[in-house]
N, C-alpha and C. Protein backbone atom coordinates (compact mmCIF):
# COMPACT_ATOMS: atom_id res chain seq x y z
N UNK A 1 58.68 70.73 140.51
CA UNK A 1 59.43 71.69 141.31
C UNK A 1 59.77 71.13 142.68
N UNK A 2 59.91 69.84 142.79
CA UNK A 2 60.34 69.19 144.04
C UNK A 2 59.44 69.52 145.23
N UNK A 3 58.13 69.54 145.04
CA UNK A 3 57.23 69.76 146.16
C UNK A 3 57.02 71.23 146.50
N UNK A 4 57.75 72.13 145.91
CA UNK A 4 57.56 73.55 146.18
C UNK A 4 56.69 74.15 145.09
N UNK A 5 55.71 74.91 145.51
CA UNK A 5 54.90 75.60 144.51
C UNK A 5 55.65 76.84 144.06
N UNK A 6 55.22 77.42 143.01
CA UNK A 6 55.87 78.62 142.50
C UNK A 6 55.86 79.73 143.54
N UNK A 7 54.82 79.80 144.33
CA UNK A 7 54.68 80.85 145.34
C UNK A 7 55.66 80.65 146.51
N UNK A 8 55.96 79.40 146.88
CA UNK A 8 56.81 79.10 148.03
C UNK A 8 58.29 79.05 147.69
N UNK A 9 58.64 79.07 146.44
CA UNK A 9 60.03 78.88 146.05
C UNK A 9 60.91 79.98 146.65
N UNK A 10 62.01 79.58 147.27
CA UNK A 10 62.92 80.51 147.92
C UNK A 10 63.90 81.04 146.87
N UNK A 11 64.02 82.36 146.83
CA UNK A 11 64.97 82.98 145.92
C UNK A 11 66.24 83.29 146.70
N UNK A 12 67.35 83.30 146.01
CA UNK A 12 68.64 83.50 146.67
C UNK A 12 69.07 84.96 146.65
N UNK A 13 69.73 85.34 147.73
CA UNK A 13 70.44 86.61 147.77
C UNK A 13 71.87 86.31 147.35
N UNK A 14 72.42 87.17 146.51
CA UNK A 14 73.74 86.93 145.96
C UNK A 14 74.67 88.05 146.42
N UNK A 15 75.86 87.71 146.95
CA UNK A 15 76.79 88.76 147.37
C UNK A 15 77.34 89.53 146.17
N UNK A 16 77.43 90.85 146.31
CA UNK A 16 77.98 91.67 145.24
C UNK A 16 79.50 91.58 145.15
N UNK A 17 80.15 91.19 146.24
CA UNK A 17 81.61 91.07 146.25
C UNK A 17 81.99 89.65 146.70
N UNK A 18 82.13 88.72 145.75
CA UNK A 18 82.39 87.32 146.09
C UNK A 18 83.67 87.11 146.91
N UNK A 19 84.69 87.95 146.72
CA UNK A 19 85.93 87.76 147.47
C UNK A 19 85.72 88.08 148.96
N UNK A 20 84.94 89.12 149.25
CA UNK A 20 84.64 89.44 150.66
C UNK A 20 83.79 88.34 151.28
N UNK A 21 82.83 87.82 150.53
CA UNK A 21 81.96 86.75 151.04
C UNK A 21 82.79 85.49 151.32
N UNK A 22 83.71 85.18 150.43
CA UNK A 22 84.58 84.03 150.63
C UNK A 22 85.45 84.21 151.87
N UNK A 23 85.95 85.41 152.07
CA UNK A 23 86.76 85.72 153.24
C UNK A 23 85.92 85.57 154.52
N UNK A 24 84.69 86.08 154.51
CA UNK A 24 83.81 85.98 155.68
C UNK A 24 83.48 84.52 155.99
N UNK A 25 83.25 83.71 154.94
CA UNK A 25 82.96 82.29 155.15
C UNK A 25 84.16 81.55 155.73
N UNK A 26 85.35 81.87 155.24
CA UNK A 26 86.53 81.18 155.77
C UNK A 26 86.78 81.57 157.23
N UNK A 27 86.49 82.81 157.60
CA UNK A 27 86.60 83.21 159.01
C UNK A 27 85.60 82.44 159.86
N UNK A 28 84.38 82.25 159.33
CA UNK A 28 83.35 81.51 160.06
C UNK A 28 83.76 80.04 160.22
N UNK A 29 84.38 79.48 159.21
CA UNK A 29 84.82 78.08 159.29
C UNK A 29 85.88 77.90 160.37
N UNK A 30 86.72 78.92 160.56
CA UNK A 30 87.74 78.85 161.60
C UNK A 30 87.14 79.07 162.99
N UNK A 31 86.12 79.92 163.07
CA UNK A 31 85.54 80.29 164.35
C UNK A 31 84.61 79.22 164.92
N UNK A 32 83.85 78.53 164.08
CA UNK A 32 82.84 77.57 164.53
C UNK A 32 83.27 76.14 164.22
N UNK A 33 82.96 75.23 165.13
CA UNK A 33 83.29 73.82 164.92
C UNK A 33 82.50 73.22 163.77
N UNK A 34 81.23 73.60 163.68
CA UNK A 34 80.34 73.05 162.65
C UNK A 34 80.06 74.12 161.61
N UNK A 35 80.43 73.84 160.38
CA UNK A 35 80.08 74.72 159.27
C UNK A 35 79.69 73.83 158.11
N UNK A 36 78.58 74.02 157.47
CA UNK A 36 77.63 75.11 157.63
C UNK A 36 76.65 74.86 158.78
N UNK A 37 76.30 75.92 159.43
CA UNK A 37 75.25 75.90 160.45
C UNK A 37 74.56 77.25 160.42
N UNK A 38 73.40 77.33 161.04
CA UNK A 38 72.66 78.59 161.04
C UNK A 38 73.46 79.68 161.74
N UNK A 39 74.08 79.34 162.86
CA UNK A 39 74.86 80.34 163.60
C UNK A 39 76.06 80.81 162.79
N UNK A 40 76.77 79.88 162.18
CA UNK A 40 77.96 80.22 161.41
C UNK A 40 77.61 81.07 160.18
N UNK A 41 76.52 80.71 159.50
CA UNK A 41 76.12 81.49 158.32
C UNK A 41 75.64 82.88 158.71
N UNK A 42 74.91 82.98 159.82
CA UNK A 42 74.47 84.30 160.28
C UNK A 42 75.67 85.16 160.64
N UNK A 43 76.65 84.56 161.31
CA UNK A 43 77.86 85.29 161.69
C UNK A 43 78.63 85.72 160.44
N UNK A 44 78.72 84.83 159.44
CA UNK A 44 79.43 85.15 158.20
C UNK A 44 78.73 86.30 157.47
N UNK A 45 77.40 86.29 157.46
CA UNK A 45 76.66 87.37 156.79
C UNK A 45 76.89 88.70 157.50
N UNK A 46 76.91 88.67 158.84
CA UNK A 46 77.18 89.89 159.61
C UNK A 46 78.59 90.39 159.35
N UNK A 47 79.54 89.48 159.31
CA UNK A 47 80.93 89.83 159.07
C UNK A 47 81.08 90.43 157.66
N UNK A 48 80.41 89.83 156.69
CA UNK A 48 80.43 90.33 155.30
C UNK A 48 79.89 91.76 155.25
N UNK A 49 78.79 92.01 155.95
CA UNK A 49 78.22 93.36 155.99
C UNK A 49 79.17 94.33 156.69
N UNK A 50 79.83 93.86 157.78
CA UNK A 50 80.78 94.70 158.51
C UNK A 50 81.96 95.09 157.61
N UNK A 51 82.34 94.17 156.72
CA UNK A 51 83.44 94.42 155.80
C UNK A 51 83.04 95.33 154.64
N UNK A 52 81.77 95.70 154.58
CA UNK A 52 81.29 96.60 153.53
C UNK A 52 80.61 95.90 152.38
N UNK A 53 80.33 94.63 152.54
CA UNK A 53 79.67 93.87 151.47
C UNK A 53 78.18 94.17 151.39
N UNK A 54 77.63 94.06 150.20
CA UNK A 54 76.20 94.26 149.98
C UNK A 54 75.64 93.07 149.22
N UNK A 55 74.31 92.98 149.18
CA UNK A 55 73.62 91.85 148.55
C UNK A 55 72.75 92.35 147.40
N UNK A 56 72.49 91.46 146.46
CA UNK A 56 71.51 91.72 145.41
C UNK A 56 70.61 90.50 145.30
N UNK A 57 69.48 90.68 144.70
CA UNK A 57 68.55 89.56 144.57
C UNK A 57 67.43 89.66 145.58
N UNK A 58 66.91 88.53 145.99
CA UNK A 58 65.74 88.47 146.85
C UNK A 58 66.04 88.98 148.26
N UNK A 59 65.03 89.55 148.89
CA UNK A 59 65.13 89.99 150.27
C UNK A 59 64.53 88.89 151.13
N UNK A 60 65.39 88.11 151.81
CA UNK A 60 64.93 86.96 152.58
C UNK A 60 64.96 87.22 154.08
N UNK A 61 64.84 88.48 154.48
CA UNK A 61 64.85 88.78 155.91
C UNK A 61 63.62 88.21 156.59
N UNK A 62 63.80 87.77 157.81
CA UNK A 62 62.70 87.21 158.59
C UNK A 62 61.96 88.36 159.25
N UNK A 63 60.64 88.33 159.15
CA UNK A 63 59.83 89.37 159.77
C UNK A 63 59.04 88.77 160.92
N UNK A 64 58.78 89.59 161.94
CA UNK A 64 58.00 89.14 163.08
C UNK A 64 56.53 89.24 162.75
N UNK A 65 55.78 88.27 163.24
CA UNK A 65 54.33 88.28 163.04
C UNK A 65 53.65 88.72 164.31
N UNK A 66 52.63 89.49 164.17
CA UNK A 66 51.85 89.92 165.33
C UNK A 66 50.83 88.87 165.70
N UNK A 67 50.21 89.03 166.86
CA UNK A 67 49.18 88.08 167.29
C UNK A 67 47.94 88.27 166.44
N UNK A 68 47.27 87.15 166.16
CA UNK A 68 46.04 87.20 165.35
C UNK A 68 44.83 87.15 166.21
């Protein structure tokens, strides 16, 4: 599994409307000099959601950790 254990394997979120996702990605490519980048992908995901797009599959949201 290429160094990833079964527990660590990242699952993908898949857009429910591929045409909206493609449109959001093309807007990000025009807006940012470097694509793909974390900023451009985050912006594209926000734009996709703004356009009414939804996701299916894994929930890969980042959560904050408290102090231990």
